N, C-alpha and C. Protein backbone atom coordinates (compact mmCIF):
# COMPACT_ATOMS: atom_id res chain seq x y z
N MET A 1 -11.92 -2.44 4.02
CA MET A 1 -10.90 -3.59 3.27
C MET A 1 -9.99 -3.87 4.01
N GLN A 2 -9.94 -5.25 3.79
CA GLN A 2 -8.27 -5.37 4.62
C GLN A 2 -7.65 -5.87 3.49
N SER A 3 -6.19 -5.36 3.83
CA SER A 3 -4.95 -5.57 2.90
C SER A 3 -5.12 -6.23 1.97
N ILE A 4 -4.67 -6.46 0.93
CA ILE A 4 -4.31 -7.70 0.50
C ILE A 4 -3.16 -8.59 0.42
N CYS A 5 -2.33 -7.70 1.40
CA CYS A 5 -0.70 -8.14 2.10
C CYS A 5 -0.89 -8.96 2.74
N ARG A 6 -2.40 -8.74 3.57
CA ARG A 6 -2.77 -9.84 4.49
C ARG A 6 -3.65 -10.77 4.36
N THR A 7 -4.45 -10.81 3.56
CA THR A 7 -5.50 -11.59 2.74
C THR A 7 -4.33 -12.60 1.96
N TRP A 8 -3.34 -12.72 1.54
CA TRP A 8 -2.76 -13.49 0.64
C TRP A 8 -2.62 -14.63 1.08
N PRO A 9 -1.80 -14.53 2.34
CA PRO A 9 -1.34 -15.82 2.66
C PRO A 9 -2.03 -16.60 2.96
N ASN A 10 -3.62 -16.13 3.35
CA ASN A 10 -4.53 -17.34 4.10
C ASN A 10 -4.87 -17.81 2.67
N LEU A 11 -5.05 -17.32 1.57
CA LEU A 11 -5.64 -17.61 0.25
C LEU A 11 -4.56 -18.77 -0.63
N VAL A 12 -3.16 -18.25 -0.41
CA VAL A 12 -2.12 -18.93 -1.51
C VAL A 12 -0.80 -19.10 -0.63
N GLY A 13 -0.51 -18.71 0.33
CA GLY A 13 0.68 -19.33 1.09
C GLY A 13 1.30 -17.85 1.19
N ASN A 14 2.26 -17.82 2.04
CA ASN A 14 3.58 -16.77 1.98
C ASN A 14 4.57 -16.63 0.56
N GLU A 15 4.72 -18.37 0.45
CA GLU A 15 6.07 -18.30 -0.92
C GLU A 15 5.23 -17.79 -1.76
N SER A 16 4.18 -19.03 -2.14
CA SER A 16 3.20 -18.16 -2.86
C SER A 16 3.18 -16.88 -3.68
N ALA A 17 2.27 -16.08 -2.36
CA ALA A 17 2.13 -14.82 -2.53
C ALA A 17 3.48 -13.76 -2.88
N ARG A 18 4.63 -14.28 -2.67
CA ARG A 18 6.07 -14.07 -2.90
C ARG A 18 5.78 -13.71 -4.18
N GLY A 19 5.87 -15.10 -5.07
CA GLY A 19 6.10 -15.59 -6.35
C GLY A 19 5.22 -14.83 -7.15
N ILE A 20 4.14 -14.62 -6.89
CA ILE A 20 3.30 -13.88 -7.24
C ILE A 20 3.89 -12.72 -7.93
N VAL A 21 4.16 -11.67 -6.56
CA VAL A 21 4.21 -10.23 -7.02
C VAL A 21 5.64 -10.96 -7.75
N GLY A 22 6.30 -11.12 -7.08
CA GLY A 22 7.85 -11.22 -8.03
C GLY A 22 7.26 -11.38 -9.74
N ARG A 23 6.73 -12.47 -10.18
CA ARG A 23 6.31 -12.42 -11.63
C ARG A 23 5.87 -10.92 -11.86
N ILE A 24 4.91 -10.53 -11.27
CA ILE A 24 3.96 -9.17 -11.54
C ILE A 24 4.84 -8.58 -11.81
N VAL A 25 5.92 -7.88 -10.91
CA VAL A 25 7.61 -7.00 -10.72
C VAL A 25 8.08 -7.37 -12.61
N LEU A 26 8.29 -8.71 -12.42
CA LEU A 26 9.25 -9.06 -13.96
C LEU A 26 8.16 -8.52 -15.04
N TYR A 27 7.18 -8.71 -14.95
CA TYR A 27 5.84 -8.45 -16.01
C TYR A 27 5.70 -6.90 -16.51
N CYS A 28 5.83 -6.31 -15.29
CA CYS A 28 5.62 -4.71 -15.84
C CYS A 28 6.99 -4.34 -15.99
N ILE A 29 8.04 -4.95 -15.55
CA ILE A 29 9.11 -3.96 -16.07
C ILE A 29 9.58 -4.60 -17.44
N ASP A 30 9.37 -5.64 -17.95
CA ASP A 30 9.29 -6.07 -19.17
C ASP A 30 8.32 -5.36 -19.98
N LYS A 31 6.98 -4.61 -19.37
CA LYS A 31 6.13 -4.17 -20.09
C LYS A 31 6.34 -3.14 -20.29
N GLY A 32 6.95 -2.38 -19.41
CA GLY A 32 7.44 -0.58 -19.12
C GLY A 32 6.19 -0.04 -18.44
N ILE A 33 5.21 -1.02 -17.78
CA ILE A 33 4.24 -0.26 -17.20
C ILE A 33 3.86 -0.33 -15.52
N ALA A 34 3.07 -0.25 -15.28
CA ALA A 34 3.01 0.29 -13.82
C ALA A 34 1.79 -1.25 -13.39
N ILE A 35 1.58 -1.76 -12.16
CA ILE A 35 0.87 -2.44 -11.62
C ILE A 35 -0.17 -1.99 -12.42
N ASP A 36 -1.23 -1.14 -11.96
CA ASP A 36 -2.48 -0.27 -12.18
C ASP A 36 -2.69 -0.36 -13.83
N ASP A 37 -1.83 -0.75 -14.29
CA ASP A 37 -1.51 -0.23 -15.75
C ASP A 37 -2.54 -1.91 -16.95
N MET A 38 -1.76 -2.94 -15.44
CA MET A 38 -2.12 -4.33 -16.25
C MET A 38 -3.78 -4.21 -15.85
N SER A 39 -4.10 -5.24 -16.98
CA SER A 39 -5.83 -5.34 -16.65
C SER A 39 -6.25 -5.95 -16.36
N ILE A 40 -7.41 -7.23 -16.30
CA ILE A 40 -7.54 -8.28 -15.17
C ILE A 40 -7.38 -9.46 -15.86
N ASP A 41 -7.12 -9.60 -16.94
CA ASP A 41 -6.59 -10.34 -17.58
C ASP A 41 -5.48 -11.01 -18.02
N GLU A 42 -4.49 -9.24 -17.55
CA GLU A 42 -2.77 -9.61 -17.50
C GLU A 42 -2.83 -10.24 -16.15
N LEU A 43 -3.65 -10.16 -15.20
CA LEU A 43 -3.44 -10.32 -13.56
C LEU A 43 -3.70 -11.86 -13.58
N LYS A 44 -4.50 -11.86 -14.05
CA LYS A 44 -5.02 -13.67 -14.02
C LYS A 44 -4.38 -14.22 -14.65
N ALA A 45 -3.83 -14.26 -15.79
CA ALA A 45 -2.55 -14.81 -16.22
C ALA A 45 -1.82 -15.37 -15.48
N ILE A 46 -1.19 -14.43 -15.01
CA ILE A 46 -0.24 -14.64 -13.79
C ILE A 46 -1.01 -15.40 -12.33
N SER A 47 -1.97 -15.37 -11.83
CA SER A 47 -2.27 -16.09 -10.94
C SER A 47 -4.25 -15.61 -10.86
N PRO A 48 -4.76 -16.71 -10.67
CA PRO A 48 -6.52 -16.84 -11.01
C PRO A 48 -6.95 -16.11 -9.59
N ILE A 49 -5.78 -16.08 -8.56
CA ILE A 49 -6.54 -15.85 -7.66
C ILE A 49 -7.03 -14.18 -7.37
N PHE A 50 -6.69 -13.25 -8.64
CA PHE A 50 -7.63 -11.99 -8.76
C PHE A 50 -8.55 -12.03 -9.18
N GLU A 51 -9.29 -10.45 -8.76
CA GLU A 51 -10.76 -10.54 -9.66
C GLU A 51 -10.77 -8.99 -9.56
N GLU A 52 -11.79 -8.11 -9.76
CA GLU A 52 -11.85 -7.22 -10.50
C GLU A 52 -11.77 -5.79 -8.84
N ASP A 53 -11.61 -6.30 -7.41
CA ASP A 53 -11.76 -6.21 -6.43
C ASP A 53 -10.44 -5.05 -6.24
N VAL A 54 -8.88 -6.15 -6.86
CA VAL A 54 -7.83 -5.58 -6.71
C VAL A 54 -7.40 -4.77 -7.20
N PHE A 55 -8.02 -3.94 -8.05
CA PHE A 55 -7.76 -2.78 -8.25
C PHE A 55 -8.46 -1.56 -7.38
N ASP A 56 -9.25 -2.00 -6.55
CA ASP A 56 -9.56 -0.77 -5.75
C ASP A 56 -8.18 -1.42 -4.00
N ALA A 57 -7.73 -2.51 -4.09
CA ALA A 57 -6.85 -2.41 -3.25
C ALA A 57 -5.37 -1.79 -3.55
N ILE A 58 -5.33 -2.04 -4.60
CA ILE A 58 -3.75 -0.96 -5.34
C ILE A 58 -4.10 0.38 -5.63
N SER A 59 -5.44 1.17 -5.41
CA SER A 59 -5.44 2.14 -5.81
C SER A 59 -4.54 2.96 -5.29
N MET A 60 -4.11 4.39 -5.00
CA MET A 60 -3.29 5.27 -4.73
C MET A 60 -3.78 5.71 -3.55
N GLU A 61 -4.95 6.03 -3.36
CA GLU A 61 -6.14 6.30 -2.09
C GLU A 61 -6.29 5.10 -1.13
N THR A 62 -5.98 3.90 -1.11
CA THR A 62 -6.18 2.89 -0.77
C THR A 62 -4.84 2.74 0.00
N CYS A 63 -3.71 2.92 -1.13
CA CYS A 63 -1.90 2.48 -0.45
C CYS A 63 -1.71 3.43 0.41
N VAL A 64 -2.39 4.65 0.52
CA VAL A 64 -1.87 5.62 1.27
C VAL A 64 -3.14 5.83 2.48
N SER A 65 -3.63 5.62 2.74
CA SER A 65 -4.72 5.28 3.59
C SER A 65 -4.55 4.43 4.02
N THR A 66 -3.95 3.36 3.89
CA THR A 66 -3.69 1.83 4.87
C THR A 66 -2.51 2.21 5.35
N ARG A 67 -1.50 3.06 5.19
CA ARG A 67 -0.45 3.15 5.85
C ARG A 67 -0.59 3.81 6.93
N CYS A 68 -0.37 3.14 8.46
CA CYS A 68 -1.08 3.97 9.24
C CYS A 68 0.45 3.87 10.40
N THR A 69 1.76 3.24 10.36
CA THR A 69 2.51 3.61 11.07
C THR A 69 3.30 4.69 11.48
N VAL A 70 4.53 4.86 12.42
CA VAL A 70 4.35 6.23 12.39
C VAL A 70 5.48 6.97 11.40
N GLY A 71 5.19 7.94 11.15
CA GLY A 71 5.63 8.56 9.93
C GLY A 71 5.02 8.38 8.88
N ALA A 72 4.48 7.56 8.43
CA ALA A 72 3.50 7.24 7.06
C ALA A 72 2.39 8.44 7.07
N PRO A 73 2.23 8.24 5.29
CA PRO A 73 1.27 9.15 4.98
C PRO A 73 -0.49 9.40 5.13
N SER A 74 -0.63 7.81 6.19
CA SER A 74 -2.24 7.95 5.87
C SER A 74 -2.33 9.47 6.73
N LYS A 75 -3.65 9.65 6.16
CA LYS A 75 -4.86 10.61 7.25
C LYS A 75 -4.48 10.47 9.01
N THR A 76 -4.89 9.33 9.52
CA THR A 76 -4.69 9.23 11.14
C THR A 76 -3.14 9.38 11.14
N SER A 77 -2.09 9.23 10.41
CA SER A 77 -0.16 8.90 11.32
C SER A 77 -0.83 10.67 11.15
N MET A 78 -0.95 11.60 9.96
CA MET A 78 -0.50 12.51 9.58
C MET A 78 -1.24 13.33 10.74
N ASP A 79 -2.88 13.30 11.09
CA ASP A 79 -3.07 14.09 12.17
C ASP A 79 -2.82 13.87 13.45
N LYS A 80 -1.77 12.89 13.71
CA LYS A 80 -1.25 12.48 15.26
C LYS A 80 -0.15 13.15 15.25
N VAL A 81 1.11 13.36 13.94
CA VAL A 81 1.90 14.40 13.99
C VAL A 81 1.55 15.74 13.93
N ILE A 82 0.39 16.17 12.97
CA ILE A 82 0.00 17.27 13.07
C ILE A 82 -0.21 17.84 14.72
N ALA A 83 -1.01 17.00 15.75
CA ALA A 83 -1.52 17.53 17.20
C ALA A 83 -0.04 17.56 17.84
N VAL A 84 0.94 16.61 17.24
CA VAL A 84 1.91 16.55 18.13
C VAL A 84 3.01 18.12 18.26
N TYR A 85 3.58 18.34 16.87
CA TYR A 85 3.39 20.16 16.50
C TYR A 85 2.98 21.08 16.88
N ASP A 86 1.74 20.93 16.60
CA ASP A 86 0.71 22.27 17.12
C ASP A 86 0.91 22.56 18.52
N GLU A 87 0.92 21.16 19.68
CA GLU A 87 1.42 21.20 21.08
C GLU A 87 2.66 22.08 20.73
N TYR A 88 3.67 21.06 20.64
CA TYR A 88 4.92 21.63 20.25
C TYR A 88 4.79 23.40 20.18
N MET A 89 3.94 23.38 19.34
CA MET A 89 4.37 25.08 18.93
C MET A 89 3.55 25.96 19.69
N LYS A 90 3.28 25.86 20.80
CA LYS A 90 2.28 26.60 21.63
C LYS A 90 2.91 26.51 23.16
N SER A 91 3.80 25.76 22.99
CA SER A 91 5.03 25.59 23.95
C SER A 91 5.72 26.70 23.83
N ASN A 92 7.02 26.67 24.55
CA ASN A 92 7.85 28.09 25.17
C ASN A 92 9.09 27.23 23.97
N TRP A 93 8.80 26.80 22.93
CA TRP A 93 9.91 26.00 22.32
C TRP A 93 10.73 27.05 21.52
N GLN A 94 10.30 28.59 21.69
CA GLN A 94 11.70 29.61 21.46
C GLN A 94 13.13 29.27 22.65
N ASP A 95 12.33 28.96 23.73
CA ASP A 95 13.47 29.04 24.20
C ASP A 95 14.45 27.73 24.25
N GLU A 96 14.27 27.21 23.31
CA GLU A 96 15.32 25.91 23.26
C GLU A 96 16.10 26.50 22.35
N VAL A 97 15.74 27.74 21.43
CA VAL A 97 16.72 28.01 20.50
C VAL A 97 17.72 28.50 21.01
């Protein structure tokens, strides 16, 4: 699945994507809800670009698994960090203390 952040500019343009997100944020603040508590009808009222697959794109699992930069929570990123620390723990790290 492509990140919704990467596909929006192709569909609506950068400025429009920011405007849509801004309206969603204001709506959620006003209603005291999270974005994933919004219905598809509420999202479509803000922009007709939304389809049912938006809920897959904003799921916690998707948000975590697609964040792959250094220090991010994806499994790929964490596996790399764990490997680095495993190597460090196998070395003579006690000499550094």
